[in-house]
Amino acid sequence: MLETAIIGGGVSGLSLAKALHEQGQDFSLFEARERLGGRVLSVPFAQIELQADLGPTWFWPDSQPLVTQLVEELGLEHFPQHDEGALLHLRDADQRPERLDDKSVHLGARRLAGGMARLVEALAARLPKDKLRLQHVLLELRDGDDFITLVFRIADQLVEVEAKRVVLALPPRLMEEKIRFTPDLGAESKAVMRTTETWMASQAKAVLAYDKPHWREEGYSGNAYATHEQAVLGEIFDACDVTGTKAALGGFLALSPELRESFSVGLPMLLSSQMSQIFGPALGQGEIVFQDWATEIFTCSTLDRTSPAATHTDFANPLLRRPLWAGKVYLGGSETAAHGSGYLEGAIEAARRVARALLQELALASQGDIPAGQDTLDAPSLNAASLARFREWAASQMDAAFDSYRHRLNRGLAAQQKEQLTQRAVLGAIEEVYSNALGVLDELPFDMLNVQVERGRSALMSDVQSPFRDIMQGLIDNVTEFNATSCALSNFPDEHRLSKEYMQTIYKDIAAAWQEFSLAANALLLSKPKNVSYPSTGQGN
């Protein structure tokens, strides 16, 4: 039986596999396609030695530290996106484009030499080949209490695999539509998945190669926009190689998936015609590579293809980061990320989150027993054991606090409250966590003999307080992301998008609750007995 099955061979799945492999953990990665990479796709031209990126093309070091760090770790060569020169804007199909000087578009973006597929290749090269299984289409997950049964289609056969835990490094909409879950996930989980748009899933991209970069010679950057109703390419950019000698222009199609399908036969001619109209007759002919992601069944769901594009947010609904089936199933695709959702940055962020959770779980499971013959714990060991149990309990409170917040928010909405919905729900959730924490702390045994007390404060308080800093920040992050993605709050602008002033008011409430909890916890510790002997449980903490 596998320890961990990773579903999806994109950057998220590969990054997670790399993290587990480096820690010596057992896993296998299953990918439905014949290739790795997911939405990362670099395609060679036939006539020139150049890889065209038909999926993700750029990363931004100033705002995407995770992908930047990974690129450096893997030793990949990168170079700045060419932005020098004038931008062209075609507003009317019957007119010449307008020239706009000093208009930078890509704001510090960088590209990988040889295409973004170099990132995928470098990640895969770090992994044992026998751990990577292509052409495995996941059809079903069945909960077996202590394990998960995965049902794959491989060619015309159905194959079952058992794993202790599963990570779905896939777009949420796709997994909700394509995978059967037994038992069912429930209405709330499925609704969140359905409302999470898969970034760029319904888009199409084309790259055209030329004998030389004519636009650069004429003082143009290669950046162009076409905003008239008949536009084929809406946004165009320079797609030359690192040397600038292998010439190409890339672009995102302005046509809907339905129109792209209708015009499929004549699409190459339409693309060449628009390039010629914008940049001149020298660009009337060029080799074209093209990718319509709306036709990719392992990327684009029915909802992605048919629903209007939503406003893209940099973060996902926090419920997508909630493990399912008692912690046996994790969601790890880019669209589940707390930062950089939909981008490469989000894919790596999601992989790191899941890796931390899995490695922590495995570490706890592997902890040994207290040595045989140790019948009692001395004071330092007793206190350390109780603090460890308290930290373990506190670690489980991130989800509990968020659940309490959502419950209180829904009660406020049902009661038709119109003001301070978030503030009241956050404070109530925090006070509930602190109240429960005092109850847990009261039940745990401590020996206060030789525990230093300075100015009335127990030296154990730092260990008691430390878990809650992450819990409180995590709750605020989850609240912010949940509110911004909640349809129910869209009619409450002040609650939907929390202002800086509103957040400052909430932070004042949090600070007051924190002070009250700290005083109560310190008083509780000081009331604990001194010089006691506590029997060993014989189990690790």
Protein backbone atom coordinates (compact mmCIF):
# COMPACT_ATOMS: atom_id res chain seq x y z
CA MET A 1 0.00 0.00 0.00
CA LEU A 2 1.25 3.46 -0.89
CA GLU A 3 1.84 6.04 1.83
CA THR A 4 0.86 8.93 -0.46
CA ALA A 5 -0.71 9.03 -3.93
CA ILE A 6 -0.29 12.36 -5.74
CA ILE A 7 -2.80 12.98 -8.52
CA GLY A 8 -1.61 15.50 -11.10
CA GLY A 9 1.80 15.93 -12.68
CA GLY A 10 1.83 19.71 -12.95
CA VAL A 11 4.16 22.02 -11.05
CA SER A 12 2.18 21.56 -7.82
CA GLY A 13 2.22 17.76 -7.91
CA LEU A 14 5.88 17.61 -8.94
CA SER A 15 6.91 20.11 -6.24
CA LEU A 16 5.13 18.04 -3.61
CA ALA A 17 6.73 14.84 -4.92
CA LYS A 18 10.15 16.50 -4.70
CA ALA A 19 9.54 17.53 -1.08
CA LEU A 20 8.43 14.03 -0.06
CA HIS A 21 11.28 12.36 -1.94
CA GLU A 22 13.86 14.59 -0.26
CA GLN A 23 12.49 13.45 3.12
CA GLY A 24 12.64 9.78 2.13
CA GLN A 25 8.86 9.35 2.09
CA ASP A 26 6.97 6.79 0.02
CA PHE A 27 4.79 8.16 -2.81
CA SER A 28 3.72 7.71 -6.41
CA LEU A 29 2.59 10.46 -8.76
CA PHE A 30 -0.19 9.72 -11.25
CA GLU A 31 -0.78 11.89 -14.33
CA ALA A 32 -3.64 11.48 -16.80
CA ARG A 33 -1.76 12.86 -19.82
CA GLU A 34 1.08 11.33 -21.76
CA ARG A 35 3.33 14.12 -20.49
CA LEU A 36 4.09 15.95 -17.27
CA GLY A 37 3.53 19.65 -16.75
CA GLY A 38 -0.23 20.20 -16.68
CA ARG A 39 -0.81 23.74 -17.94
CA VAL A 40 2.92 24.21 -18.54
CA LEU A 41 3.46 23.46 -22.22
CA SER A 42 6.48 24.43 -24.33
CA VAL A 43 6.26 23.43 -28.00
CA PRO A 44 9.15 23.48 -30.53
CA PHE A 45 8.88 25.18 -33.91
CA ALA A 46 9.78 23.19 -36.99
CA GLN A 47 11.68 25.94 -38.79
CA ILE A 48 13.65 27.60 -35.98
CA GLU A 49 15.25 26.31 -32.80
CA LEU A 50 12.83 27.87 -30.33
CA GLN A 51 10.45 26.59 -27.69
CA ALA A 52 7.12 28.44 -27.58
CA ASP A 53 5.37 28.68 -24.24
CA LEU A 54 1.68 27.96 -24.80
CA GLY A 55 0.88 27.91 -21.10
CA PRO A 56 2.54 29.94 -18.33
CA THR A 57 5.30 32.13 -19.72
CA TRP A 58 6.50 34.48 -16.97
CA PHE A 59 7.35 34.76 -13.32
CA TRP A 60 7.83 37.94 -11.28
CA PRO A 61 10.68 37.89 -8.72
CA ASP A 62 9.36 41.00 -6.96
CA SER A 63 6.04 39.40 -6.05
CA GLN A 64 6.57 35.64 -6.50
CA PRO A 65 9.33 34.53 -4.13
CA LEU A 66 8.50 30.81 -4.17
CA VAL A 67 8.83 30.22 -7.90
CA THR A 68 11.87 32.51 -7.98
CA GLN A 69 13.52 30.49 -5.22
CA LEU A 70 12.71 27.21 -7.00
CA VAL A 71 14.15 28.48 -10.29
CA GLU A 72 17.37 29.43 -8.52
CA GLU A 73 17.51 26.14 -6.60
CA LEU A 74 17.17 24.16 -9.83
CA GLY A 75 19.85 26.27 -11.52
CA LEU A 76 17.65 27.37 -14.43
CA GLU A 77 18.71 30.23 -16.68
CA HIS A 78 16.23 33.08 -16.91
CA PHE A 79 16.07 36.44 -18.63
CA PRO A 80 13.90 39.58 -18.60
CA GLN A 81 10.81 39.82 -20.77
CA HIS A 82 11.56 42.23 -23.62
CA ASP A 83 9.59 45.44 -23.01
CA GLU A 84 11.82 48.06 -24.62
CA GLY A 85 10.24 50.14 -27.35
CA ALA A 86 6.82 51.48 -28.25
CA LEU A 87 3.51 49.73 -27.60
CA LEU A 88 0.87 49.53 -30.33
CA HIS A 89 -2.88 49.77 -29.76
CA LEU A 90 -5.36 48.84 -32.51
CA ARG A 91 -8.71 50.34 -31.54
CA ASP A 92 -10.44 50.20 -34.95
CA ALA A 93 -10.35 47.30 -37.37
CA ASP A 94 -10.18 49.71 -40.32
CA GLN A 95 -7.47 52.01 -38.96
CA ARG A 96 -3.75 51.84 -38.30
CA PRO A 97 -2.62 51.10 -34.73
CA GLU A 98 -1.80 53.94 -32.35
CA ARG A 99 1.81 54.15 -31.17
CA LEU A 100 2.35 54.64 -27.42
CA ASP A 101 5.88 55.31 -26.19
CA ASP A 102 7.26 54.54 -22.72
CA LYS A 103 4.51 52.04 -21.88
CA SER A 104 5.99 49.10 -19.98
CA VAL A 105 3.63 46.12 -19.83
CA HIS A 106 5.20 43.20 -18.01
CA LEU A 107 6.63 45.02 -14.97
CA GLY A 108 9.76 43.01 -14.23
CA ALA A 109 8.58 39.68 -15.60
CA ARG A 110 11.20 37.07 -16.45
CA ARG A 111 11.18 33.98 -18.66
CA LEU A 112 13.08 30.70 -18.58
CA ALA A 113 15.65 30.09 -21.29
CA GLY A 114 14.38 27.14 -23.31
CA GLY A 115 10.79 27.61 -22.18
CA MET A 116 8.85 27.11 -18.97
CA ALA A 117 8.93 23.34 -19.56
CA ARG A 118 12.51 23.48 -18.28
CA LEU A 119 11.02 23.89 -14.81
CA VAL A 120 8.95 20.74 -15.23
CA GLU A 121 11.91 18.81 -16.64
CA ALA A 122 14.17 19.89 -13.77
CA LEU A 123 11.60 18.87 -11.15
CA ALA A 124 11.01 15.49 -12.81
CA ALA A 125 14.77 14.88 -13.01
CA ARG A 126 14.92 15.02 -9.19
CA LEU A 127 12.45 12.13 -8.88
CA PRO A 128 12.79 8.35 -9.40
CA LYS A 129 11.26 7.47 -12.77
CA ASP A 130 9.39 4.51 -11.33
CA LYS A 131 7.44 6.93 -9.10
CA LEU A 132 5.97 8.79 -12.10
CA ARG A 133 3.05 7.06 -13.77
CA LEU A 134 1.60 8.64 -16.90
CA GLN A 135 -1.73 7.96 -18.65
CA HIS A 136 -3.47 7.14 -15.36
CA VAL A 137 -6.90 8.78 -15.46
CA LEU A 138 -8.44 8.91 -11.99
CA LEU A 139 -12.13 8.00 -12.03
CA GLU A 140 -13.04 7.36 -8.40
CA LEU A 141 -11.89 7.63 -4.78
CA ARG A 142 -13.40 5.31 -2.17
CA ASP A 143 -12.93 5.84 1.54
CA GLY A 144 -11.85 2.60 3.22
CA ASP A 145 -11.51 4.05 6.74
CA ASP A 146 -7.77 3.33 7.10
CA PHE A 147 -6.95 3.83 3.42
CA ILE A 148 -8.24 5.20 0.14
CA THR A 149 -8.96 3.09 -2.93
CA LEU A 150 -8.16 4.88 -6.19
CA VAL A 151 -9.74 3.64 -9.41
CA PHE A 152 -7.79 4.54 -12.57
CA ARG A 153 -8.47 4.05 -16.24
CA ILE A 154 -5.33 2.98 -18.07
CA ALA A 155 -6.09 2.61 -21.78
CA ASP A 156 -9.15 0.32 -21.74
CA GLN A 157 -8.55 -1.21 -18.33
CA LEU A 158 -9.60 -0.26 -14.81
CA VAL A 159 -6.91 -0.56 -12.13
CA GLU A 160 -7.28 -0.10 -8.37
CA VAL A 161 -4.54 1.29 -6.11
CA GLU A 162 -4.64 1.63 -2.33
CA ALA A 163 -3.00 4.52 -0.48
CA LYS A 164 -3.05 5.80 3.09
CA ARG A 165 -3.57 9.35 1.84
CA VAL A 166 -4.25 11.09 -1.46
CA VAL A 167 -3.31 14.55 -2.69
CA LEU A 168 -5.39 15.95 -5.55
CA ALA A 169 -3.08 18.45 -7.26
CA LEU A 170 -5.82 19.34 -9.75
CA PRO A 171 -8.17 22.26 -10.46
CA PRO A 172 -11.11 22.01 -8.02
CA ARG A 173 -13.75 22.31 -10.76
CA LEU A 174 -12.15 19.47 -12.66
CA MET A 175 -12.00 17.09 -9.71
CA GLU A 176 -15.62 17.86 -8.77
CA GLU A 177 -16.77 17.12 -12.33
CA LYS A 178 -14.55 14.18 -13.25
CA ILE A 179 -13.94 12.20 -10.04
CA ARG A 180 -16.54 10.12 -8.20
CA PHE A 181 -16.16 10.35 -4.42
CA THR A 182 -17.57 7.54 -2.31
CA PRO A 183 -18.96 8.64 0.09
CA ASP A 184 -20.08 11.91 -1.43
CA LEU A 185 -18.15 15.05 -0.46
CA GLY A 186 -21.27 16.94 0.53
CA ALA A 187 -23.01 19.97 -0.90
CA GLU A 188 -20.78 22.64 0.65
CA SER A 189 -17.49 21.18 -0.56
CA LYS A 190 -18.83 20.60 -4.06
CA ALA A 191 -20.29 24.10 -4.26
CA VAL A 192 -16.94 25.67 -3.34
CA MET A 193 -15.18 23.55 -5.97
CA ARG A 194 -17.69 24.52 -8.65
CA THR A 195 -17.37 28.24 -7.93
CA THR A 196 -13.55 28.14 -8.18
CA GLU A 197 -12.61 29.16 -11.70
CA THR A 198 -9.64 27.37 -13.24
CA TRP A 199 -7.23 30.12 -14.23
CA MET A 200 -6.81 30.45 -18.03
CA ALA A 201 -8.66 27.16 -18.62
CA SER A 202 -10.95 28.57 -21.32
CA GLN A 203 -8.23 30.63 -23.01
CA ALA A 204 -6.13 30.00 -26.11
CA LYS A 205 -2.63 31.11 -26.98
CA ALA A 206 -0.69 31.34 -30.23
CA VAL A 207 2.99 32.01 -31.00
CA LEU A 208 4.23 32.97 -34.47
CA ALA A 209 7.88 32.59 -35.52
CA TYR A 210 9.70 34.87 -38.00
CA ASP A 211 13.07 35.14 -39.71
CA LYS A 212 14.11 38.07 -37.51
CA PRO A 213 12.55 40.45 -34.93
CA HIS A 214 11.43 43.15 -37.40
CA TRP A 215 9.49 45.00 -34.69
CA ARG A 216 12.57 45.52 -32.54
CA GLU A 217 14.45 46.98 -35.50
CA GLU A 218 11.64 49.51 -35.95
CA GLY A 219 11.60 50.56 -32.29
CA TYR A 220 8.63 48.51 -31.13
CA SER A 221 8.60 46.35 -28.00
CA GLY A 222 6.39 43.67 -29.53
CA ASN A 223 3.64 44.55 -27.05
CA ALA A 224 0.30 45.31 -28.67
CA TYR A 225 -3.39 45.39 -27.85
CA ALA A 226 -6.35 44.99 -30.20
CA THR A 227 -9.60 46.11 -28.58
CA HIS A 228 -12.03 46.31 -31.51
CA GLU A 229 -14.87 43.82 -31.84
CA GLN A 230 -13.29 41.84 -34.69
CA ALA A 231 -9.95 41.30 -32.91
CA VAL A 232 -8.50 37.80 -33.11
CA LEU A 233 -5.59 38.40 -30.75
CA GLY A 234 -6.37 40.66 -27.83
CA GLU A 235 -2.89 40.92 -26.33
CA ILE A 236 0.45 40.41 -28.11
CA PHE A 237 3.98 40.20 -26.68
CA ASP A 238 7.58 39.56 -27.72
CA ALA A 239 8.34 35.81 -27.55
CA CYS A 240 11.95 35.80 -28.78
CA ASP A 241 14.59 33.60 -27.18
CA VAL A 242 17.16 34.78 -24.62
CA THR A 243 19.49 36.02 -27.38
CA GLY A 244 16.76 37.89 -29.24
CA THR A 245 17.83 36.29 -32.53
CA LYS A 246 15.22 33.51 -32.63
CA ALA A 247 12.24 35.72 -33.40
CA ALA A 248 8.63 35.18 -32.35
CA LEU A 249 5.53 37.01 -31.21
CA GLY A 250 2.96 35.47 -28.89
CA GLY A 251 -0.60 36.38 -28.16
CA PHE A 252 -3.78 35.56 -26.27
CA LEU A 253 -6.84 35.05 -28.42
CA ALA A 254 -9.76 37.42 -27.99
CA LEU A 255 -12.22 34.94 -29.53
CA SER A 256 -14.51 32.85 -27.34
CA PRO A 257 -14.13 29.05 -27.33
CA GLU A 258 -17.19 28.77 -29.60
CA LEU A 259 -15.80 31.23 -32.15
CA ARG A 260 -12.38 29.58 -32.10
CA GLU A 261 -14.08 26.30 -32.96
CA SER A 262 -16.11 27.92 -35.75
CA PHE A 263 -13.07 29.63 -37.28
CA SER A 264 -10.64 26.76 -36.70
CA VAL A 265 -9.89 26.18 -40.41
CA GLY A 266 -9.20 29.82 -41.19
CA LEU A 267 -7.64 30.73 -37.87
CA PRO A 268 -3.99 30.69 -39.08
CA MET A 269 -4.86 33.16 -41.83
CA LEU A 270 -6.69 35.42 -39.36
CA LEU A 271 -3.73 35.39 -36.97
CA SER A 272 -1.24 36.27 -39.71
CA SER A 273 -3.53 38.98 -41.03
CA GLN A 274 -3.77 40.72 -37.66
CA MET A 275 0.00 40.56 -37.10
CA SER A 276 0.51 42.12 -40.54
CA GLN A 277 -2.03 44.86 -39.82
CA ILE A 278 -0.38 45.81 -36.53
CA PHE A 279 3.33 45.37 -37.25
CA GLY A 280 3.51 45.62 -41.05
CA PRO A 281 3.61 43.29 -44.07
CA ALA A 282 6.89 41.66 -43.03
CA LEU A 283 4.94 39.77 -40.38
CA GLY A 284 2.28 38.51 -42.75
CA GLN A 285 3.77 35.03 -42.85
CA GLY A 286 5.15 33.03 -39.93
CA GLU A 287 5.11 29.50 -38.58
CA ILE A 288 2.30 29.18 -36.01
CA VAL A 289 1.96 26.97 -32.94
CA PHE A 290 -1.33 27.11 -31.11
CA GLN A 291 -3.01 25.73 -28.00
CA ASP A 292 -6.70 25.96 -27.16
CA TRP A 293 -6.95 25.09 -23.47
CA ALA A 294 -10.74 25.00 -23.63
CA THR A 295 -10.44 21.71 -25.54
CA GLU A 296 -8.14 20.15 -22.92
CA ILE A 297 -10.28 17.70 -20.95
CA PHE A 298 -7.63 17.43 -18.23
CA THR A 299 -7.56 21.22 -17.71
CA CYS A 300 -10.89 22.76 -18.64
CA SER A 301 -14.15 21.73 -17.00
CA THR A 302 -17.58 22.29 -18.50
CA LEU A 303 -18.14 25.24 -16.16
CA ASP A 304 -14.82 26.81 -17.14
CA ARG A 305 -15.79 26.61 -20.78
CA THR A 306 -19.35 27.87 -20.44
CA SER A 307 -19.37 30.25 -17.46
CA PRO A 308 -18.45 33.93 -17.78
CA ALA A 309 -14.95 34.61 -16.54
CA ALA A 310 -14.92 35.82 -12.95
CA THR A 311 -12.69 38.51 -11.50
CA HIS A 312 -9.44 36.76 -10.68
CA THR A 313 -8.36 36.84 -7.04
CA ASP A 314 -4.88 36.09 -5.78
CA PHE A 315 -6.18 33.67 -3.15
CA ALA A 316 -8.61 30.78 -2.91
CA ASN A 317 -11.54 30.04 -0.65
CA PRO A 318 -9.91 28.64 2.54
CA LEU A 319 -12.30 25.67 2.54
CA LEU A 320 -10.25 24.34 -0.37
CA ARG A 321 -7.31 23.99 2.01
CA ARG A 322 -9.33 21.83 4.39
CA PRO A 323 -8.35 18.11 4.36
CA LEU A 324 -11.21 15.74 3.57
CA TRP A 325 -12.16 12.32 4.87
CA ALA A 326 -10.52 12.65 8.30
CA GLY A 327 -7.28 14.00 6.85
CA LYS A 328 -6.78 11.30 4.24
CA VAL A 329 -7.47 13.53 1.20
CA TYR A 330 -5.75 16.87 0.56
CA LEU A 331 -6.45 19.41 -2.17
CA GLY A 332 -3.21 20.79 -3.58
CA GLY A 333 -3.69 22.44 -6.98
CA SER A 334 -2.74 26.05 -7.69
CA GLU A 335 -6.38 27.18 -7.34
CA THR A 336 -6.31 26.14 -3.66
CA ALA A 337 -3.41 28.43 -2.76
CA ALA A 338 -3.52 31.16 -0.13
CA HIS A 339 -1.28 33.29 -2.35
CA GLY A 340 -0.72 33.31 -6.11
CA SER A 341 -3.83 31.25 -6.81
CA GLY A 342 -3.89 30.05 -10.41
CA TYR A 343 -0.25 30.93 -11.06
CA LEU A 344 2.96 28.95 -10.77
CA GLU A 345 3.51 30.71 -7.45
CA GLY A 346 0.22 29.31 -6.20
CA ALA A 347 1.09 25.81 -7.38
CA ILE A 348 4.29 25.86 -5.33
CA GLU A 349 2.59 27.48 -2.33
CA ALA A 350 -0.08 24.76 -2.34
CA ALA A 351 2.56 22.02 -2.61
CA ARG A 352 4.46 23.43 0.34
CA ARG A 353 1.32 23.63 2.45
CA VAL A 354 0.43 20.00 1.79
CA ALA A 355 4.04 18.87 2.27
CA ARG A 356 4.16 20.53 5.70
CA ALA A 357 0.91 18.85 6.73
CA LEU A 358 1.96 15.41 5.48
CA LEU A 359 5.45 15.52 6.97
CA GLN A 360 4.07 16.70 10.31
CA GLU A 361 1.53 13.87 10.29
CA LEU A 362 4.21 11.32 9.44
CA ALA A 363 6.53 12.70 12.13
CA LEU A 364 3.82 12.41 14.80
CA ALA A 365 3.01 8.87 13.69
CA SER A 366 6.66 7.83 13.93
CA GLN A 367 7.30 9.16 17.45
CA GLY A 368 8.47 6.42 19.75
CA ASP A 369 7.25 5.39 23.18
CA ILE A 370 8.68 6.60 26.45
CA PRO A 371 11.53 4.24 27.40
CA ALA A 372 10.48 1.09 29.18
CA GLY A 373 10.86 1.10 32.96
CA GLN A 374 10.10 4.83 33.31
CA ASP A 375 7.10 4.64 35.60
CA THR A 376 6.86 8.29 36.50
CA LEU A 377 7.72 11.61 34.91
CA ASP A 378 9.82 14.16 36.77
CA ALA A 379 8.68 17.78 36.81
CA PRO A 380 10.54 19.00 33.69
CA SER A 381 9.43 15.94 31.68
CA LEU A 382 5.86 16.25 32.95
CA ASN A 383 5.68 19.91 31.96
CA ALA A 384 7.27 19.25 28.56
CA ALA A 385 4.81 16.41 27.91
CA SER A 386 1.80 18.53 28.89
CA LEU A 387 2.97 21.46 26.79
CA ALA A 388 3.45 19.12 23.83
CA ARG A 389 -0.10 17.83 24.26
CA PHE A 390 -1.36 21.42 24.51
CA ARG A 391 0.47 22.41 21.31
CA GLU A 392 -0.95 19.37 19.55
CA TRP A 393 -4.46 20.40 20.60
CA ALA A 394 -3.83 24.01 19.58
CA ALA A 395 -2.64 22.91 16.13
CA SER A 396 -6.10 21.48 15.49
CA GLN A 397 -7.83 24.76 16.30
CA MET A 398 -7.15 26.59 13.02
CA ASP A 399 -10.02 24.79 11.30
CA ALA A 400 -12.16 24.88 14.45
CA ALA A 401 -11.80 28.67 14.72
CA PHE A 402 -12.72 29.16 11.09
CA ASP A 403 -15.72 26.83 11.39
CA SER A 404 -16.88 28.81 14.40
CA TYR A 405 -16.50 32.04 12.44
CA ARG A 406 -18.56 30.75 9.51
CA HIS A 407 -21.26 29.45 11.86
CA ARG A 408 -21.51 32.80 13.63
CA LEU A 409 -21.45 34.71 10.33
CA ASN A 410 -24.29 32.59 8.96
CA ARG A 411 -26.30 33.18 12.14
CA GLY A 412 -25.77 36.91 11.71
CA LEU A 413 -26.93 36.77 8.09
CA ALA A 414 -29.96 34.69 9.03
CA ALA A 415 -30.84 37.22 11.74
CA GLN A 416 -30.53 39.95 9.08
CA GLN A 417 -27.79 41.81 10.90
CA LYS A 418 -26.49 44.58 8.68
CA GLU A 419 -23.50 45.92 10.58
CA GLN A 420 -20.28 44.49 12.02
CA LEU A 421 -21.03 40.97 10.78
CA THR A 422 -17.38 40.02 10.41
CA GLN A 423 -16.24 41.81 13.56
CA ARG A 424 -18.79 40.03 15.75
CA ALA A 425 -18.18 36.63 14.20
CA VAL A 426 -14.38 36.90 14.47
CA LEU A 427 -14.48 37.98 18.09
CA GLY A 428 -16.93 35.22 18.99
CA ALA A 429 -14.78 32.58 17.29
CA ILE A 430 -11.62 33.77 19.01
CA GLU A 431 -13.23 33.90 22.43
CA GLU A 432 -14.52 30.35 21.91
CA VAL A 433 -11.01 29.08 21.08
CA TYR A 434 -9.53 30.82 24.11
CA SER A 435 -12.26 29.46 26.39
CA ASN A 436 -11.62 25.93 25.14
CA ALA A 437 -7.88 26.43 25.54
CA LEU A 438 -8.29 27.32 29.20
CA GLY A 439 -10.36 24.18 29.69
CA VAL A 440 -7.65 22.01 28.10
CA LEU A 441 -4.92 23.74 30.06
CA ASP A 442 -6.82 23.21 33.31
CA GLU A 443 -7.07 19.45 32.72
CA LEU A 444 -3.37 18.96 31.87
CA PRO A 445 -1.01 18.05 34.73
CA PHE A 446 1.86 20.43 35.53
CA ASP A 447 4.42 20.54 38.32
CA MET A 448 5.33 24.14 39.10
CA LEU A 449 8.28 23.19 41.30
CA ASN A 450 11.32 25.21 40.16
CA VAL A 451 9.34 26.87 37.37
CA GLN A 452 10.54 30.45 37.33
CA VAL A 453 8.01 33.20 38.00
CA GLU A 454 9.09 36.75 37.18
CA ARG A 455 6.87 39.70 38.02
CA GLY A 456 3.95 37.37 38.46
CA ARG A 457 4.39 35.68 35.05
CA SER A 458 5.11 31.95 34.75
CA ALA A 459 8.02 30.97 32.52
CA LEU A 460 5.70 28.42 30.87
CA MET A 461 3.53 31.16 29.40
CA SER A 462 5.65 31.65 26.28
CA ASP A 463 5.04 28.01 25.32
CA VAL A 464 1.33 28.36 26.06
CA GLN A 465 0.94 31.53 24.01
CA SER A 466 3.12 30.68 21.00
CA PRO A 467 0.65 28.42 19.08
CA PHE A 468 -2.04 31.08 19.06
CA ARG A 469 -0.10 33.62 17.03
CA ASP A 470 -0.33 31.39 13.96
CA ILE A 471 -3.93 30.46 14.76
CA MET A 472 -5.07 34.07 14.97
CA GLN A 473 -3.22 35.14 11.84
CA GLY A 474 -4.48 32.07 10.01
CA LEU A 475 -8.04 32.88 11.06
CA ILE A 476 -7.76 36.46 9.82
CA ASP A 477 -6.29 35.29 6.51
CA ASN A 478 -9.06 32.72 6.10
CA VAL A 479 -11.73 35.26 6.97
CA THR A 480 -10.39 37.78 4.45
CA GLU A 481 -10.24 35.17 1.69
CA PHE A 482 -13.58 33.60 2.53
CA ASN A 483 -15.41 36.93 2.59
CA ALA A 484 -13.91 37.98 -0.74
CA THR A 485 -15.03 34.72 -2.38
CA SER A 486 -18.43 34.48 -0.69
CA CYS A 487 -21.50 35.04 -2.85
CA ALA A 488 -23.61 35.55 0.29
CA LEU A 489 -21.54 38.59 1.27
CA SER A 490 -21.47 40.19 -2.18
CA ASN A 491 -24.44 42.36 -1.14
CA PHE A 492 -22.51 43.62 1.90
CA PRO A 493 -19.60 45.62 0.41
CA ASP A 494 -18.06 46.47 3.78
CA GLU A 495 -17.97 42.77 4.73
CA HIS A 496 -17.11 41.44 1.26
CA ARG A 497 -13.91 43.45 0.96
CA LEU A 498 -12.60 44.31 4.42
CA SER A 499 -11.20 47.83 4.57
CA LYS A 500 -8.03 48.75 6.44
CA GLU A 501 -10.03 50.73 8.98
CA TYR A 502 -12.44 47.83 9.59
CA MET A 503 -9.52 45.44 10.05
CA GLN A 504 -7.92 47.78 12.60
CA THR A 505 -11.13 47.65 14.64
CA ILE A 506 -11.11 43.84 14.48
CA TYR A 507 -7.45 43.74 15.53
CA LYS A 508 -8.28 45.85 18.60
CA ASP A 509 -10.91 43.26 19.60
CA ILE A 510 -8.38 40.48 19.07
CA ALA A 511 -5.78 42.26 21.21
CA ALA A 512 -8.26 42.68 24.07
CA ALA A 513 -9.29 39.00 23.92
CA TRP A 514 -5.61 37.97 23.76
CA GLN A 515 -4.78 39.96 26.88
CA GLU A 516 -7.73 38.49 28.79
CA PHE A 517 -6.76 34.93 27.77
CA SER A 518 -3.11 35.45 28.70
CA LEU A 519 -3.97 36.73 32.17
CA ALA A 520 -6.36 33.83 32.76
CA ALA A 521 -3.89 31.22 31.49
CA ASN A 522 -1.10 32.62 33.64
CA ALA A 523 -3.31 32.58 36.73
CA LEU A 524 -4.29 29.00 35.98
CA LEU A 525 -0.65 27.89 35.71
CA LEU A 526 0.28 29.64 38.94
CA SER A 527 -2.50 27.73 40.70
CA LYS A 528 -1.07 24.35 39.65
CA PRO A 529 0.51 22.20 42.44
CA LYS A 530 4.22 21.88 43.16
CA ASN A 531 6.35 18.81 43.73
CA VAL A 532 4.00 16.12 42.38
CA SER A 533 4.76 12.76 40.77
CA TYR A 534 2.76 11.86 37.69
CA PRO A 535 2.66 8.34 36.22
CA SER A 536 3.95 7.79 32.71
CA THR A 537 1.40 6.85 30.06
CA GLY A 538 3.97 4.75 28.22
CA GLN A 539 3.15 6.59 25.01
CA GLY A 540 4.90 9.33 23.08
CA ASN A 541 3.47 12.82 22.77
